[in-house]
Amino acid sequence: FYTPEMDADAQANFDLVGELRQAIANGQLELYYQPKIDARSGKVTAAEALVRWHHPTRGLVMPAEFIPVAERFGLIGALGNWVIEDATRQARLWREQGLRMRVAINLSAQQMRQDDIVDRIVEALKQHRIHPSLLTCEITESAAMEDTRATQETFRRLGELGAHLSIDDFGTGYSSLAYLRKLPAEELKIDRSFVQD
């Protein structure tokens, strides 16, 4: 049944989409890096790039608020391209400072279905002179279990490229362990709901 709140929600989403377009174009996005630490040595061995939005009036906007809107309204490609570019640029800066760390980026299910996603990653790696082995592509379990031709082809090409593949939020869906044998993933990230207690 129709309620007046539906119009308000639609307008809020419409406003957010326009503001997000401007944010991508005007440099309001920033990557925060969450360290990955080797449990034995205690050393930082990698970092995961997590996008944040510095909104001029709302302040710091977390991805849970704007990623679903980006996916729903067709902005995830532009947002994802920005993340790929900025993460590889940062990896080059660290490399020049003597830090050889793997950088992880998250790829959405929609990005995995884009024909040119691997080409975009290759281009960014070449531009910033980063070896593919220093990039981890994290894909959620639900995206990894999509048995679509496009997703499988992207998996294959990323594996051949030499990038590391990681399956995120593992255990939250209905994945079959047998299915994992088909995927060239080297890492499973167990969802925190299994370990937080």
Protein backbone atom coordinates (compact mmCIF):
# COMPACT_ATOMS: atom_id res chain seq x y z
CA PHE A 1 0.00 0.00 0.00
CA TYR A 2 1.13 3.50 -0.79
CA THR A 3 2.35 5.66 2.06
CA PRO A 4 3.70 9.24 1.89
CA GLU A 5 7.02 7.96 3.25
CA MET A 6 7.59 6.14 -0.07
CA ASP A 7 7.86 9.49 -1.88
CA ALA A 8 10.23 10.78 0.78
CA ASP A 9 12.45 7.69 0.43
CA ALA A 10 12.47 7.99 -3.36
CA GLN A 11 13.40 11.67 -3.16
CA ALA A 12 16.15 10.96 -0.60
CA ASN A 13 17.62 8.29 -2.89
CA PHE A 14 17.36 10.61 -5.89
CA ASP A 15 19.19 13.35 -3.98
CA LEU A 16 21.84 10.89 -2.78
CA VAL A 17 22.49 9.65 -6.33
CA GLY A 18 23.09 13.21 -7.58
CA GLU A 19 25.35 13.99 -4.64
CA LEU A 20 27.29 10.74 -5.12
CA ARG A 21 27.88 11.58 -8.79
CA GLN A 22 29.34 14.91 -7.67
CA ALA A 23 31.38 13.20 -4.94
CA ILE A 24 33.07 10.92 -7.49
CA ALA A 25 33.77 13.84 -9.82
CA ASN A 26 34.87 16.32 -7.13
CA GLY A 27 37.20 14.22 -5.00
CA GLN A 28 34.98 13.78 -1.95
CA LEU A 29 35.80 10.08 -1.69
CA GLU A 30 38.74 8.71 0.26
CA LEU A 31 40.15 5.26 0.80
CA TYR A 32 40.86 4.15 4.35
CA TYR A 33 43.25 1.22 4.69
CA GLN A 34 42.57 -1.56 7.17
CA PRO A 35 45.78 -3.45 7.89
CA LYS A 36 46.06 -7.21 7.52
CA ILE A 37 48.45 -8.50 10.15
CA ASP A 38 50.32 -11.79 10.14
CA ALA A 39 49.37 -13.54 13.39
CA ARG A 40 52.78 -15.20 13.82
CA SER A 41 55.09 -12.27 13.10
CA GLY A 42 52.80 -9.40 14.06
CA LYS A 43 53.82 -7.59 10.86
CA VAL A 44 51.46 -5.76 8.55
CA THR A 45 51.53 -7.73 5.30
CA ALA A 46 48.64 -6.17 3.40
CA ALA A 47 45.91 -3.55 3.59
CA GLU A 48 42.28 -3.55 2.50
CA ALA A 49 40.98 -0.41 0.80
CA LEU A 50 37.68 0.75 2.27
CA VAL A 51 35.91 3.70 0.67
CA ARG A 52 34.51 6.61 2.69
CA TRP A 53 32.59 9.66 1.52
CA HIS A 54 33.37 13.09 2.97
CA HIS A 55 29.99 14.68 2.40
CA PRO A 56 29.95 18.51 2.62
CA THR A 57 26.90 18.56 4.94
CA ARG A 58 26.39 15.00 6.21
CA GLY A 59 29.99 14.52 7.28
CA LEU A 60 31.63 11.09 6.93
CA VAL A 61 29.26 8.73 5.13
CA MET A 62 29.94 4.99 5.49
CA PRO A 63 29.73 2.58 2.54
CA ALA A 64 26.68 0.78 3.93
CA GLU A 65 24.73 3.98 3.21
CA PHE A 66 25.90 4.72 -0.34
CA ILE A 67 27.11 1.45 -1.92
CA PRO A 68 23.57 -0.02 -2.22
CA VAL A 69 22.42 3.25 -3.83
CA ALA A 70 25.40 3.15 -6.22
CA GLU A 71 24.54 -0.44 -7.18
CA ARG A 72 20.83 0.26 -7.59
CA PHE A 73 21.21 3.38 -9.71
CA GLY A 74 24.12 2.36 -11.96
CA LEU A 75 26.97 4.26 -10.28
CA ILE A 76 28.89 1.23 -9.01
CA GLY A 77 31.00 1.10 -12.18
CA ALA A 78 32.24 4.69 -11.82
CA LEU A 79 32.73 4.26 -8.07
CA GLY A 80 34.55 0.96 -8.55
CA ASN A 81 36.82 2.46 -11.21
CA TRP A 82 37.74 5.27 -8.82
CA VAL A 83 38.61 2.72 -6.09
CA ILE A 84 40.77 0.66 -8.48
CA GLU A 85 42.63 3.77 -9.62
CA ASP A 86 43.20 5.22 -6.15
CA ALA A 87 44.21 1.91 -4.55
CA THR A 88 46.82 1.18 -7.23
CA ARG A 89 48.10 4.77 -6.97
CA GLN A 90 48.53 4.30 -3.20
CA ALA A 91 50.25 0.94 -3.72
CA ARG A 92 52.80 2.69 -5.96
CA LEU A 93 53.41 5.39 -3.30
CA TRP A 94 54.02 2.71 -0.67
CA ARG A 95 56.29 0.83 -3.06
CA GLU A 96 58.38 3.98 -3.55
CA GLN A 97 58.69 4.27 0.23
CA GLY A 98 60.03 0.70 0.43
CA LEU A 99 56.77 -0.96 1.53
CA ARG A 100 55.91 -4.03 -0.51
CA MET A 101 52.35 -4.63 0.64
CA ARG A 102 49.50 -6.31 -1.09
CA VAL A 103 46.45 -4.06 -1.44
CA ALA A 104 42.93 -5.51 -1.44
CA ILE A 105 39.95 -3.99 -3.22
CA ASN A 106 36.32 -5.13 -3.09
CA LEU A 107 34.54 -5.98 -6.32
CA SER A 108 30.74 -6.06 -6.37
CA ALA A 109 28.64 -8.67 -8.16
CA GLN A 110 27.79 -6.02 -10.79
CA GLN A 111 31.47 -5.26 -11.38
CA MET A 112 32.17 -8.97 -11.80
CA ARG A 113 29.63 -8.98 -14.65
CA GLN A 114 31.21 -6.00 -16.45
CA ASP A 115 32.95 -7.05 -19.66
CA ASP A 116 35.78 -4.57 -19.20
CA ILE A 117 36.49 -4.93 -15.45
CA VAL A 118 39.68 -6.97 -15.92
CA ASP A 119 40.91 -4.56 -18.61
CA ARG A 120 40.36 -1.63 -16.24
CA ILE A 121 42.35 -3.40 -13.51
CA VAL A 122 45.16 -4.24 -15.96
CA GLU A 123 45.27 -0.63 -17.13
CA ALA A 124 45.53 0.73 -13.56
CA LEU A 125 48.25 -1.81 -12.66
CA LYS A 126 50.28 -0.85 -15.73
CA GLN A 127 49.82 2.89 -15.21
CA HIS A 128 51.10 2.70 -11.62
CA ARG A 129 53.65 -0.06 -12.29
CA ILE A 130 52.17 -2.49 -9.78
CA HIS A 131 52.68 -6.25 -10.21
CA PRO A 132 49.34 -8.11 -10.28
CA SER A 133 50.49 -10.30 -7.37
CA LEU A 134 50.35 -7.18 -5.15
CA LEU A 135 46.61 -6.81 -5.74
CA THR A 136 43.88 -8.84 -4.03
CA CYS A 137 40.38 -8.74 -5.45
CA GLU A 138 37.80 -9.50 -2.78
CA ILE A 139 34.44 -10.80 -3.89
CA THR A 140 31.56 -11.53 -1.52
CA GLU A 141 30.47 -15.13 -1.17
CA SER A 142 27.14 -14.41 -2.84
CA ALA A 143 28.89 -12.86 -5.86
CA ALA A 144 31.42 -15.70 -6.01
CA MET A 145 28.67 -18.31 -6.05
CA GLU A 146 26.91 -16.72 -9.00
CA ASP A 147 27.21 -19.30 -11.71
CA THR A 148 26.84 -16.79 -14.53
CA ARG A 149 29.10 -16.98 -17.55
CA ALA A 150 30.29 -13.38 -17.09
CA THR A 151 31.21 -13.88 -13.42
CA GLN A 152 33.05 -17.13 -14.14
CA GLU A 153 34.92 -15.51 -17.03
CA THR A 154 35.98 -12.60 -14.81
CA PHE A 155 37.21 -15.06 -12.17
CA ARG A 156 39.21 -16.94 -14.79
CA ARG A 157 40.78 -13.79 -16.24
CA LEU A 158 41.69 -12.34 -12.83
CA GLY A 159 43.31 -15.67 -11.91
CA GLU A 160 45.29 -15.73 -15.16
CA LEU A 161 46.34 -12.13 -14.59
CA GLY A 162 48.06 -13.19 -11.36
CA ALA A 163 45.95 -11.14 -8.95
CA HIS A 164 45.05 -12.81 -5.68
CA LEU A 165 41.40 -13.70 -5.27
CA SER A 166 39.64 -13.68 -1.92
CA ILE A 167 36.08 -14.64 -1.03
CA ASP A 168 34.66 -12.30 1.60
CA ASP A 169 31.80 -12.84 4.11
CA PHE A 170 32.24 -16.58 3.72
CA GLY A 171 29.65 -18.69 5.52
CA THR A 172 26.77 -16.22 5.35
CA GLY A 173 25.21 -17.63 2.19
CA TYR A 174 24.50 -21.12 0.95
CA SER A 175 27.76 -21.95 -0.70
CA SER A 176 28.89 -25.45 -1.38
CA LEU A 177 32.46 -26.26 -0.43
CA ALA A 178 32.63 -28.45 -3.54
CA TYR A 179 31.87 -25.40 -5.69
CA LEU A 180 34.95 -23.65 -4.31
CA ARG A 181 37.11 -26.13 -6.20
CA LYS A 182 36.00 -24.46 -9.45
CA LEU A 183 37.18 -21.02 -8.34
CA PRO A 184 40.80 -19.83 -8.44
CA ALA A 185 40.44 -18.18 -5.00
CA GLU A 186 43.37 -18.41 -2.57
CA GLU A 187 41.71 -16.93 0.49
CA LEU A 188 38.44 -17.28 2.38
CA LYS A 189 37.47 -14.57 4.83
CA ILE A 190 35.19 -16.14 7.42
CA ASP A 191 32.35 -13.79 8.31
CA ARG A 192 32.87 -12.11 11.67
CA SER A 193 29.51 -13.37 12.97
CA PHE A 194 31.22 -16.77 13.40
CA VAL A 195 34.16 -15.50 15.43
CA GLN A 196 33.06 -12.35 17.28
CA ASP A 197 31.84 -14.28 20.35
